[in-house]
Amino acid sequence: MDQKKLEIKGKVCVTGASGYLASWLVKRLLSSGYFVTGTVRDPGDKKKVEHLWRLDGAKERLKLVKADLMEEGSFDEAVNGCEGVFHTASPVSGSKKDPKAEILEPAIKGTLNVLQSCKKNPSLRRVVLTSSSSTVRIRVDIDPDVPLDESVWSSTEVCEQFQVWYALSKIEAEKAAWNFCKENNIDLVTILPAFIIGPSLPPNLCSTASDVLGLFKGETSKFEFHGRMGYVHIDDIALCHILVFEHKEARGRYLCSSTVMENYELASFLASQYPSYPIPKGFTKLDRPYYTYNTSKIESLGFKFKPLEEMFDDTVKSLIMQGHLQETITTYVCI
């Protein structure tokens, strides 16, 4: 990349910078000309951060600093002087001992710790929080004829009943963020991604990317539970974060999804697109509410989502390149 021709922009912070989505967001911010301060647990852990230093513009405009979600004041240094803060860091799964406590507390307390640091920063213009589409779709009163949008919230009671702790953590963390920012006059915008599909920049796959890899290896256990889901390209989510940060009129919550389908429909699509892989065919049709998403709010800002084909083509290429998946060749016999 020619750094001389790139329009240099302001300074921003990305929490949990070495993560699946955060890494892609850092990549897009650097390519857009931003100076990026990324927070990680250990900046000296080469295995966790070396993929970030390989990004275009990293040597010139990336800084990695240590921060801990559970440590008050830990984000002060990273946030100081930043015009924007992208809070993406969040726990995904807990131990078998007490998964609820080990997911909820870090999500809520971590979010509030980041926002406390933001409150101290006079340069701050806007905070963009990564929430989840799971904060709107886990309900028992869904009208199949009315697409879900940002105005609704998932039922915390249903999350408790079925022990969907990740969704509950996202609900509680986002609500805590809205309350804090309202009380402290902080401009907050939240992004609600569907199930993220796309290339993984970190070499070690997160649970989301591992679930997708399992599909191409014939494993059904993970996606059996997912049922009906929305899907979105990881690059689209990174771009949506930047779009709502830069767009002065952006307000509130933004639901981001390209396609919504049942797991057995996804399996059928993948089997037709990638016949050389043992895509599972035995998904059970789960008795769950039918829903679709209304994404007109983010689209009104001029955004257009990538199709399902592009999501998985990019994913497969990445998995092959990183050695997680073998490349297959379909042989056609001419008669």
Protein backbone atom coordinates (compact mmCIF):
# COMPACT_ATOMS: atom_id res chain seq x y z
CA MET A 1 0.00 0.00 0.00
CA ASP A 2 1.26 3.49 -0.89
CA GLN A 3 1.13 5.32 2.44
CA LYS A 4 1.71 8.70 0.71
CA LYS A 5 -1.54 8.48 -1.24
CA LEU A 6 -3.60 7.26 1.71
CA GLU A 7 -5.75 9.85 3.47
CA ILE A 8 -4.56 9.76 7.07
CA LYS A 9 -7.41 9.93 9.58
CA GLY A 10 -7.67 10.16 13.36
CA LYS A 11 -6.80 7.87 16.22
CA VAL A 12 -9.12 5.07 17.34
CA CYS A 13 -9.02 2.17 19.78
CA VAL A 14 -10.11 -1.44 19.23
CA THR A 15 -10.50 -3.64 22.31
CA GLY A 16 -9.61 -7.32 22.10
CA ALA A 17 -7.67 -6.53 18.92
CA SER A 18 -6.33 -10.04 18.31
CA GLY A 19 -9.80 -11.61 18.11
CA TYR A 20 -11.60 -12.96 15.05
CA LEU A 21 -13.74 -9.90 14.28
CA ALA A 22 -11.46 -7.33 15.93
CA SER A 23 -8.49 -8.37 13.79
CA TRP A 24 -10.53 -7.78 10.65
CA LEU A 25 -11.71 -4.43 12.01
CA VAL A 26 -8.10 -3.42 12.69
CA LYS A 27 -7.23 -4.44 9.13
CA ARG A 28 -10.03 -2.27 7.69
CA LEU A 29 -9.25 0.71 9.93
CA LEU A 30 -5.59 0.64 8.93
CA SER A 31 -6.49 0.40 5.25
CA SER A 32 -8.82 3.38 5.76
CA GLY A 33 -5.98 5.51 7.14
CA TYR A 34 -6.62 5.41 10.89
CA PHE A 35 -4.05 5.26 13.65
CA VAL A 36 -5.14 2.24 15.69
CA THR A 37 -4.45 1.40 19.32
CA GLY A 38 -5.38 -2.20 19.94
CA THR A 39 -5.78 -3.74 23.36
CA VAL A 40 -4.64 -7.31 24.01
CA ARG A 41 -3.94 -9.36 27.11
CA ASP A 42 -0.24 -9.73 26.28
CA PRO A 43 1.35 -7.59 23.53
CA GLY A 44 4.47 -9.79 23.77
CA ASP A 45 2.65 -13.00 22.84
CA LYS A 46 3.86 -13.34 19.25
CA LYS A 47 1.54 -16.23 18.42
CA LYS A 48 -1.49 -14.13 19.34
CA VAL A 49 -0.47 -10.83 17.73
CA GLU A 50 1.93 -11.51 14.86
CA HIS A 51 -0.93 -11.60 12.33
CA LEU A 52 -1.73 -8.00 13.30
CA TRP A 53 1.81 -6.81 12.64
CA ARG A 54 1.63 -8.30 9.13
CA LEU A 55 -1.29 -6.04 8.20
CA ASP A 56 -0.69 -3.21 5.72
CA GLY A 57 0.02 -0.02 7.64
CA ALA A 58 0.63 -1.79 10.96
CA LYS A 59 4.26 -0.74 11.30
CA GLU A 60 3.36 2.90 10.74
CA ARG A 61 -0.04 3.24 12.48
CA LEU A 62 -0.68 0.35 14.89
CA LYS A 63 0.08 0.27 18.60
CA LEU A 64 -0.73 -2.68 20.87
CA VAL A 65 -1.17 -2.14 24.60
CA LYS A 66 -2.01 -4.45 27.47
CA ALA A 67 -5.49 -4.29 28.99
CA ASP A 68 -7.72 -6.58 31.03
CA LEU A 69 -11.53 -6.46 30.91
CA MET A 70 -11.79 -7.16 34.61
CA GLU A 71 -9.29 -4.51 35.72
CA GLU A 72 -10.68 -1.04 36.39
CA GLY A 73 -8.65 1.69 34.68
CA SER A 74 -6.93 -0.88 32.49
CA PHE A 75 -8.13 0.83 29.29
CA ASP A 76 -7.20 4.39 30.26
CA GLU A 77 -3.94 4.41 28.30
CA ALA A 78 -5.42 2.79 25.20
CA VAL A 79 -8.47 5.06 25.03
CA ASN A 80 -6.71 8.34 25.85
CA GLY A 81 -6.60 10.68 22.85
CA CYS A 82 -8.82 8.49 20.67
CA GLU A 83 -11.74 9.98 18.74
CA GLY A 84 -13.42 6.60 18.49
CA VAL A 85 -13.49 3.43 20.57
CA PHE A 86 -14.63 0.11 19.09
CA HIS A 87 -15.43 -2.26 21.94
CA THR A 88 -15.43 -5.78 20.49
CA ALA A 89 -13.86 -7.77 23.34
CA SER A 90 -16.29 -10.17 25.02
CA PRO A 91 -16.14 -13.69 26.51
CA VAL A 92 -17.75 -16.41 24.38
CA SER A 93 -17.81 -19.51 26.56
CA GLY A 94 -17.23 -20.32 30.20
CA SER A 95 -16.13 -23.40 32.05
CA LYS A 96 -18.45 -26.25 32.95
CA LYS A 97 -18.22 -25.21 36.62
CA ASP A 98 -20.23 -21.97 36.34
CA PRO A 99 -20.60 -20.88 32.70
CA LYS A 100 -23.21 -18.23 33.47
CA ALA A 101 -21.07 -16.32 35.95
CA GLU A 102 -17.91 -16.71 33.90
CA ILE A 103 -19.52 -15.21 30.81
CA LEU A 104 -21.90 -12.59 32.24
CA GLU A 105 -19.59 -10.88 34.72
CA PRO A 106 -16.66 -10.26 32.32
CA ALA A 107 -19.05 -9.08 29.59
CA ILE A 108 -20.88 -6.56 31.77
CA LYS A 109 -18.00 -5.46 33.99
CA GLY A 110 -15.61 -5.38 31.04
CA THR A 111 -17.93 -3.15 29.03
CA LEU A 112 -18.38 -0.76 31.94
CA ASN A 113 -14.61 -0.67 32.59
CA VAL A 114 -14.02 0.33 28.95
CA LEU A 115 -16.72 3.00 29.15
CA GLN A 116 -15.29 4.35 32.42
CA SER A 117 -12.03 4.92 30.55
CA CYS A 118 -13.94 6.53 27.68
CA LYS A 119 -15.57 8.92 30.15
CA LYS A 120 -12.12 10.23 31.11
CA ASN A 121 -11.15 10.95 27.49
CA PRO A 122 -11.98 14.51 26.30
CA SER A 123 -11.07 13.59 22.71
CA LEU A 124 -13.82 10.96 22.43
CA ARG A 125 -16.41 11.48 19.71
CA ARG A 126 -18.21 8.12 19.56
CA VAL A 127 -18.16 4.59 20.95
CA VAL A 128 -19.17 1.66 18.74
CA LEU A 129 -20.09 -1.46 20.69
CA THR A 130 -20.23 -4.93 19.13
CA SER A 131 -23.40 -6.57 20.37
CA SER A 132 -25.19 -9.49 18.66
CA SER A 133 -28.32 -10.40 16.71
CA SER A 134 -28.97 -12.83 19.57
CA THR A 135 -30.14 -9.78 21.52
CA VAL A 136 -33.25 -9.58 19.31
CA ARG A 137 -34.13 -13.11 18.10
CA ILE A 138 -34.51 -15.23 21.25
CA ARG A 139 -38.21 -14.80 21.93
CA VAL A 140 -41.40 -16.86 22.12
CA ASP A 141 -43.72 -14.17 20.71
CA ILE A 142 -42.21 -13.81 17.23
CA ASP A 143 -44.66 -13.00 14.44
CA PRO A 144 -43.34 -14.87 11.36
CA ASP A 145 -44.88 -12.20 9.11
CA VAL A 146 -43.06 -9.31 10.79
CA PRO A 147 -39.26 -9.20 10.33
CA LEU A 148 -37.25 -8.56 13.50
CA ASP A 149 -35.50 -5.21 13.75
CA GLU A 150 -33.45 -3.21 16.25
CA SER A 151 -36.47 -2.07 18.23
CA VAL A 152 -36.99 -5.45 19.92
CA TRP A 153 -34.99 -7.30 22.57
CA SER A 154 -34.60 -11.00 23.27
CA SER A 155 -36.28 -12.42 26.37
CA THR A 156 -33.88 -12.77 29.28
CA GLU A 157 -36.27 -15.33 30.77
CA VAL A 158 -36.00 -17.54 27.66
CA CYS A 159 -32.21 -17.18 27.70
CA GLU A 160 -32.18 -18.27 31.34
CA GLN A 161 -34.54 -21.17 30.66
CA PHE A 162 -32.41 -22.60 27.85
CA GLN A 163 -29.09 -21.50 29.38
CA VAL A 164 -28.08 -19.37 26.41
CA TRP A 165 -25.48 -17.50 28.42
CA TYR A 166 -23.68 -15.85 25.51
CA ALA A 167 -26.89 -14.18 24.33
CA LEU A 168 -27.77 -13.16 27.89
CA SER A 169 -24.31 -11.64 28.35
CA LYS A 170 -24.73 -9.62 25.16
CA ILE A 171 -28.16 -8.39 26.24
CA GLU A 172 -27.03 -7.36 29.71
CA ALA A 173 -23.76 -5.81 28.51
CA GLU A 174 -25.48 -3.76 25.80
CA LYS A 175 -28.20 -2.54 28.16
CA ALA A 176 -25.58 -1.62 30.75
CA ALA A 177 -23.71 0.32 28.05
CA TRP A 178 -26.82 2.25 26.99
CA ASN A 179 -27.57 3.20 30.62
CA PHE A 180 -24.00 4.29 31.31
CA CYS A 181 -23.66 6.31 28.12
CA LYS A 182 -27.00 8.05 28.67
CA GLU A 183 -25.98 9.03 32.21
CA ASN A 184 -22.55 10.25 31.08
CA ASN A 185 -23.46 11.88 27.75
CA ILE A 186 -21.39 9.47 25.64
CA ASP A 187 -22.36 9.01 21.99
CA LEU A 188 -22.93 5.26 21.61
CA VAL A 189 -23.85 3.19 18.55
CA THR A 190 -24.20 -0.60 18.64
CA ILE A 191 -23.75 -3.21 15.91
CA LEU A 192 -25.80 -6.43 16.07
CA PRO A 193 -24.11 -8.99 13.80
CA ALA A 194 -25.69 -12.24 12.71
CA PHE A 195 -23.51 -15.40 12.65
CA ILE A 196 -20.20 -14.18 11.21
CA ILE A 197 -18.72 -16.05 8.26
CA GLY A 198 -15.39 -15.28 6.62
CA PRO A 199 -11.61 -15.59 6.62
CA SER A 200 -9.86 -15.82 9.99
CA LEU A 201 -6.78 -13.63 10.32
CA PRO A 202 -5.68 -15.25 13.61
CA PRO A 203 -4.12 -18.68 12.92
CA ASN A 204 -5.97 -20.28 15.84
CA LEU A 205 -9.65 -20.50 15.02
CA CYS A 206 -12.23 -19.10 17.44
CA SER A 207 -15.36 -21.08 18.26
CA THR A 208 -17.35 -19.47 15.44
CA ALA A 209 -14.74 -20.25 12.78
CA SER A 210 -14.26 -23.74 14.24
CA ASP A 211 -17.98 -24.43 13.91
CA VAL A 212 -17.81 -23.52 10.22
CA LEU A 213 -14.72 -25.70 9.72
CA GLY A 214 -16.63 -28.58 11.29
CA LEU A 215 -19.31 -28.32 8.60
CA PHE A 216 -16.72 -28.99 5.90
CA LYS A 217 -15.43 -31.99 7.84
CA GLY A 218 -18.86 -33.57 8.15
CA GLU A 219 -19.47 -32.67 11.80
CA THR A 220 -23.05 -31.92 12.83
CA SER A 221 -22.84 -31.39 16.59
CA LYS A 222 -22.28 -27.61 16.61
CA PHE A 223 -24.67 -26.55 13.87
CA GLU A 224 -27.35 -28.97 15.04
CA PHE A 225 -28.02 -26.52 17.87
CA HIS A 226 -27.95 -23.34 15.76
CA GLY A 227 -31.17 -24.04 13.90
CA ARG A 228 -32.37 -20.96 12.04
CA MET A 229 -29.69 -18.28 11.83
CA GLY A 230 -28.74 -15.12 10.04
CA TYR A 231 -25.34 -15.07 8.30
CA VAL A 232 -23.05 -12.18 7.43
CA HIS A 233 -19.55 -11.72 5.98
CA ILE A 234 -16.88 -10.70 8.48
CA ASP A 235 -15.69 -7.93 6.17
CA ASP A 236 -19.22 -6.50 6.06
CA ILE A 237 -19.33 -6.34 9.85
CA ALA A 238 -15.97 -4.56 10.01
CA LEU A 239 -17.15 -2.08 7.39
CA CYS A 240 -20.45 -1.53 9.24
CA HIS A 241 -18.52 -0.61 12.39
CA ILE A 242 -16.55 2.02 10.49
CA LEU A 243 -19.63 3.26 8.63
CA VAL A 244 -21.62 3.99 11.81
CA PHE A 245 -18.58 5.60 13.41
CA GLU A 246 -18.02 7.96 10.48
CA HIS A 247 -21.66 8.68 9.62
CA LYS A 248 -22.75 11.68 11.67
CA GLU A 249 -26.42 10.73 11.47
CA ALA A 250 -25.89 7.19 12.80
CA ARG A 251 -27.91 6.58 15.97
CA GLY A 252 -28.87 3.66 18.16
CA ARG A 253 -28.67 -0.02 17.21
CA TYR A 254 -27.90 -1.54 13.78
CA LEU A 255 -28.88 -5.10 12.88
CA CYS A 256 -26.46 -6.60 10.35
CA SER A 257 -27.35 -9.76 8.40
CA SER A 258 -27.18 -10.81 4.76
CA THR A 259 -29.20 -14.05 4.73
CA VAL A 260 -31.41 -15.94 7.21
CA MET A 261 -31.89 -19.69 6.78
CA GLU A 262 -32.38 -23.01 8.59
CA ASN A 263 -29.32 -25.17 9.27
CA TYR A 264 -30.58 -27.90 6.93
CA GLU A 265 -31.05 -25.28 4.19
CA LEU A 266 -27.49 -24.11 4.74
CA ALA A 267 -26.24 -27.71 4.56
CA SER A 268 -28.08 -28.22 1.27
CA PHE A 269 -26.59 -25.01 -0.14
CA LEU A 270 -23.06 -25.95 0.91
CA ALA A 271 -23.41 -29.50 -0.45
CA SER A 272 -24.33 -28.09 -3.86
CA GLN A 273 -21.58 -25.47 -3.80
CA TYR A 274 -18.81 -27.72 -2.45
CA PRO A 275 -19.65 -31.31 -3.48
CA SER A 276 -16.12 -32.55 -2.75
CA TYR A 277 -16.48 -31.97 0.98
CA PRO A 278 -18.49 -34.23 3.34
CA ILE A 279 -21.09 -31.60 4.19
CA PRO A 280 -23.49 -33.14 6.76
CA LYS A 281 -26.97 -33.98 5.51
CA GLY A 282 -28.48 -35.19 8.76
CA PHE A 283 -29.56 -31.92 10.36
CA THR A 284 -32.79 -32.16 12.30
CA LYS A 285 -35.43 -29.53 11.63
CA LEU A 286 -35.81 -27.89 15.03
CA ASP A 287 -39.13 -26.64 16.36
CA ARG A 288 -38.18 -23.01 16.75
CA PRO A 289 -39.89 -19.76 15.75
CA TYR A 290 -39.58 -18.68 12.12
CA TYR A 291 -38.11 -15.22 11.71
CA THR A 292 -36.44 -12.91 9.21
CA TYR A 293 -34.49 -9.70 9.73
CA ASN A 294 -35.26 -6.15 8.69
CA THR A 295 -31.86 -4.58 7.95
CA SER A 296 -33.20 -1.45 6.26
CA LYS A 297 -31.67 0.78 8.95
CA ILE A 298 -28.04 -0.02 8.07
CA GLU A 299 -28.94 -0.19 4.39
CA SER A 300 -30.35 3.35 4.62
CA LEU A 301 -26.77 4.48 5.25
CA GLY A 302 -25.83 3.06 1.84
CA PHE A 303 -24.62 -0.37 2.91
CA LYS A 304 -25.03 -3.50 0.78
CA PHE A 305 -24.26 -6.98 2.15
CA LYS A 306 -22.20 -9.63 0.40
CA PRO A 307 -24.11 -12.79 -0.66
CA LEU A 308 -23.83 -16.21 0.99
CA GLU A 309 -21.71 -17.56 -1.88
CA GLU A 310 -19.01 -14.95 -1.33
CA MET A 311 -19.00 -15.53 2.44
CA PHE A 312 -18.23 -19.21 2.11
CA ASP A 313 -15.94 -18.96 -0.92
CA ASP A 314 -13.73 -16.56 1.05
CA THR A 315 -13.94 -18.79 4.12
CA VAL A 316 -12.95 -21.98 2.29
CA LYS A 317 -10.01 -20.27 0.60
CA SER A 318 -8.80 -19.01 3.99
CA LEU A 319 -9.19 -22.40 5.70
CA ILE A 320 -7.22 -24.07 2.91
CA MET A 321 -4.49 -21.42 2.95
CA GLN A 322 -4.06 -21.75 6.73
CA GLY A 323 -3.93 -25.54 6.54
CA HIS A 324 -7.17 -26.16 8.44
CA LEU A 325 -8.87 -27.70 5.42
CA GLN A 326 -7.56 -29.77 2.52
CA GLU A 327 -8.14 -28.55 -0.99
CA THR A 328 -10.21 -30.96 -3.02
CA ILE A 329 -10.52 -31.34 -6.75
CA THR A 330 -13.70 -32.56 -8.37
CA THR A 331 -12.95 -34.80 -11.35
CA TYR A 332 -15.36 -34.85 -14.22
CA VAL A 333 -15.32 -37.83 -16.59
CA CYS A 334 -16.24 -37.11 -20.19
CA ILE A 335 -18.07 -39.94 -21.95
